[in-house]
Amino acid sequence: MKADIHPEYHEITVVMTDGSTFTTRSTYGAPGDTLRLDIDPKSHPAWTGVQRMLDSGGQVGKFNNKFGFMSGLKV
């Protein structure tokens, strides 16, 4: 294998949406970092059958501000 081309693989802590945590190995962040999940297998609509609106960082609001004027237009 070539030297210095592979990402560093280290342990991180993953925090699920319900607050439970587990340790895994990943290339995410730095050793000892914490990865907080917005959605996980316990809360994902594909596995729970429950629909929920997830607006991370106001993306829906940004879209509506940018293209809201088009809602009344007819094609």
C-alpha atoms as a PDB file:
ATOM      1  CA  MET A   1       0.000   0.000   0.000  1.00  0.00           C
ATOM      2  CA  LYS A   2       1.111   3.554  -0.648  1.00  0.00           C
ATOM      3  CA  ALA A   3       2.152   5.614   2.335  1.00  0.00           C
ATOM      4  CA  ASP A   4       0.272   8.758   3.446  1.00  0.00           C
ATOM      5  CA  ILE A   5      -2.772   8.384   1.169  1.00  0.00           C
ATOM      6  CA  HIS A   6      -5.164   6.634   3.545  1.00  0.00           C
ATOM      7  CA  PRO A   7      -7.434   8.542   5.968  1.00  0.00           C
ATOM      8  CA  GLU A   8      -6.842   8.196   9.699  1.00  0.00           C
ATOM      9  CA  TYR A   9      -9.154   5.575  11.206  1.00  0.00           C
ATOM     10  CA  HIS A  10      -9.954   6.188  14.899  1.00  0.00           C
ATOM     11  CA  GLU A  11     -12.633   5.787  17.585  1.00  0.00           C
ATOM     12  CA  ILE A  12     -15.513   8.279  17.856  1.00  0.00           C
ATOM     13  CA  THR A  13     -18.688   8.437  19.937  1.00  0.00           C
ATOM     14  CA  VAL A  14     -22.031   8.455  18.119  1.00  0.00           C
ATOM     15  CA  VAL A  15     -25.062  10.020  19.864  1.00  0.00           C
ATOM     16  CA  MET A  16     -28.430   8.750  18.610  1.00  0.00           C
ATOM     17  CA  THR A  17     -31.560  10.941  18.551  1.00  0.00           C
ATOM     18  CA  ASP A  18     -32.846   9.365  21.788  1.00  0.00           C
ATOM     19  CA  GLY A  19     -29.598  10.243  23.600  1.00  0.00           C
ATOM     20  CA  SER A  20     -28.099   6.758  23.638  1.00  0.00           C
ATOM     21  CA  THR A  21     -24.431   6.540  22.668  1.00  0.00           C
ATOM     22  CA  PHE A  22     -22.027   3.996  21.265  1.00  0.00           C
ATOM     23  CA  THR A  23     -18.387   3.976  20.245  1.00  0.00           C
ATOM     24  CA  THR A  24     -17.293   2.994  16.757  1.00  0.00           C
ATOM     25  CA  ARG A  25     -14.305   3.370  14.477  1.00  0.00           C
ATOM     26  CA  SER A  26     -14.548   5.939  11.686  1.00  0.00           C
ATOM     27  CA  THR A  27     -12.659   8.462   9.580  1.00  0.00           C
ATOM     28  CA  TYR A  28     -15.037  11.214  10.813  1.00  0.00           C
ATOM     29  CA  GLY A  29     -13.399  14.133  12.639  1.00  0.00           C
ATOM     30  CA  ALA A  30     -10.557  13.642  15.084  1.00  0.00           C
ATOM     31  CA  PRO A  31      -9.975  10.882  17.632  1.00  0.00           C
ATOM     32  CA  GLY A  32     -12.500  11.189  20.466  1.00  0.00           C
ATOM     33  CA  ASP A  33     -14.935  13.439  18.542  1.00  0.00           C
ATOM     34  CA  THR A  34     -18.699  13.107  18.987  1.00  0.00           C
ATOM     35  CA  LEU A  35     -21.072  12.669  16.045  1.00  0.00           C
ATOM     36  CA  ARG A  36     -24.663  13.710  16.860  1.00  0.00           C
ATOM     37  CA  LEU A  37     -27.265  12.203  14.530  1.00  0.00           C
ATOM     38  CA  ASP A  38     -30.307  14.192  13.339  1.00  0.00           C
ATOM     39  CA  ILE A  39     -32.016  11.004  12.215  1.00  0.00           C
ATOM     40  CA  ASP A  40     -31.165   7.358  12.883  1.00  0.00           C
ATOM     41  CA  PRO A  41     -32.666   3.881  12.308  1.00  0.00           C
ATOM     42  CA  LYS A  42     -34.852   4.253  15.425  1.00  0.00           C
ATOM     43  CA  SER A  43     -36.469   7.467  14.127  1.00  0.00           C
ATOM     44  CA  HIS A  44     -36.173   7.196  10.317  1.00  0.00           C
ATOM     45  CA  PRO A  45     -39.567   7.222   8.509  1.00  0.00           C
ATOM     46  CA  ALA A  46     -38.510   4.323   6.281  1.00  0.00           C
ATOM     47  CA  TRP A  47     -38.306   2.003   9.305  1.00  0.00           C
ATOM     48  CA  THR A  48     -40.882   3.520  11.660  1.00  0.00           C
ATOM     49  CA  GLY A  49     -43.673   4.252   9.168  1.00  0.00           C
ATOM     50  CA  VAL A  50     -44.159   7.682  10.757  1.00  0.00           C
ATOM     51  CA  GLN A  51     -43.672  10.795   8.651  1.00  0.00           C
ATOM     52  CA  ARG A  52     -42.058  13.807  10.271  1.00  0.00           C
ATOM     53  CA  MET A  53     -40.829  17.087   8.889  1.00  0.00           C
ATOM     54  CA  LEU A  54     -37.106  17.644   9.400  1.00  0.00           C
ATOM     55  CA  ASP A  55     -35.941  21.164   8.563  1.00  0.00           C
ATOM     56  CA  SER A  56     -32.238  21.213   9.300  1.00  0.00           C
ATOM     57  CA  GLY A  57     -30.900  24.750   9.234  1.00  0.00           C
ATOM     58  CA  GLY A  58     -34.053  26.353   7.827  1.00  0.00           C
ATOM     59  CA  GLN A  59     -33.665  24.907   4.330  1.00  0.00           C
ATOM     60  CA  VAL A  60     -37.430  24.870   3.728  1.00  0.00           C
ATOM     61  CA  GLY A  61     -37.677  28.494   4.833  1.00  0.00           C
ATOM     62  CA  LYS A  62     -34.839  29.505   2.511  1.00  0.00           C
ATOM     63  CA  PHE A  63     -36.544  27.737  -0.389  1.00  0.00           C
ATOM     64  CA  ASN A  64     -39.893  29.391   0.330  1.00  0.00           C
ATOM     65  CA  ASN A  65     -38.251  32.817   0.584  1.00  0.00           C
ATOM     66  CA  LYS A  66     -36.506  32.314  -2.735  1.00  0.00           C
ATOM     67  CA  PHE A  67     -39.331  30.687  -4.726  1.00  0.00           C
ATOM     68  CA  GLY A  68     -42.499  31.506  -2.733  1.00  0.00           C
ATOM     69  CA  PHE A  69     -43.649  34.033  -5.329  1.00  0.00           C
ATOM     70  CA  MET A  70     -44.152  31.159  -7.794  1.00  0.00           C
ATOM     71  CA  SER A  71     -46.871  29.463  -5.723  1.00  0.00           C
ATOM     72  CA  GLY A  72     -49.676  31.456  -7.383  1.00  0.00           C
ATOM     73  CA  LEU A  73     -48.387  31.188 -10.952  1.00  0.00           C
ATOM     74  CA  LYS A  74     -50.109  28.937 -13.464  1.00  0.00           C
ATOM     75  CA  VAL A  75     -48.129  27.003 -16.014  1.00  0.00           C
END
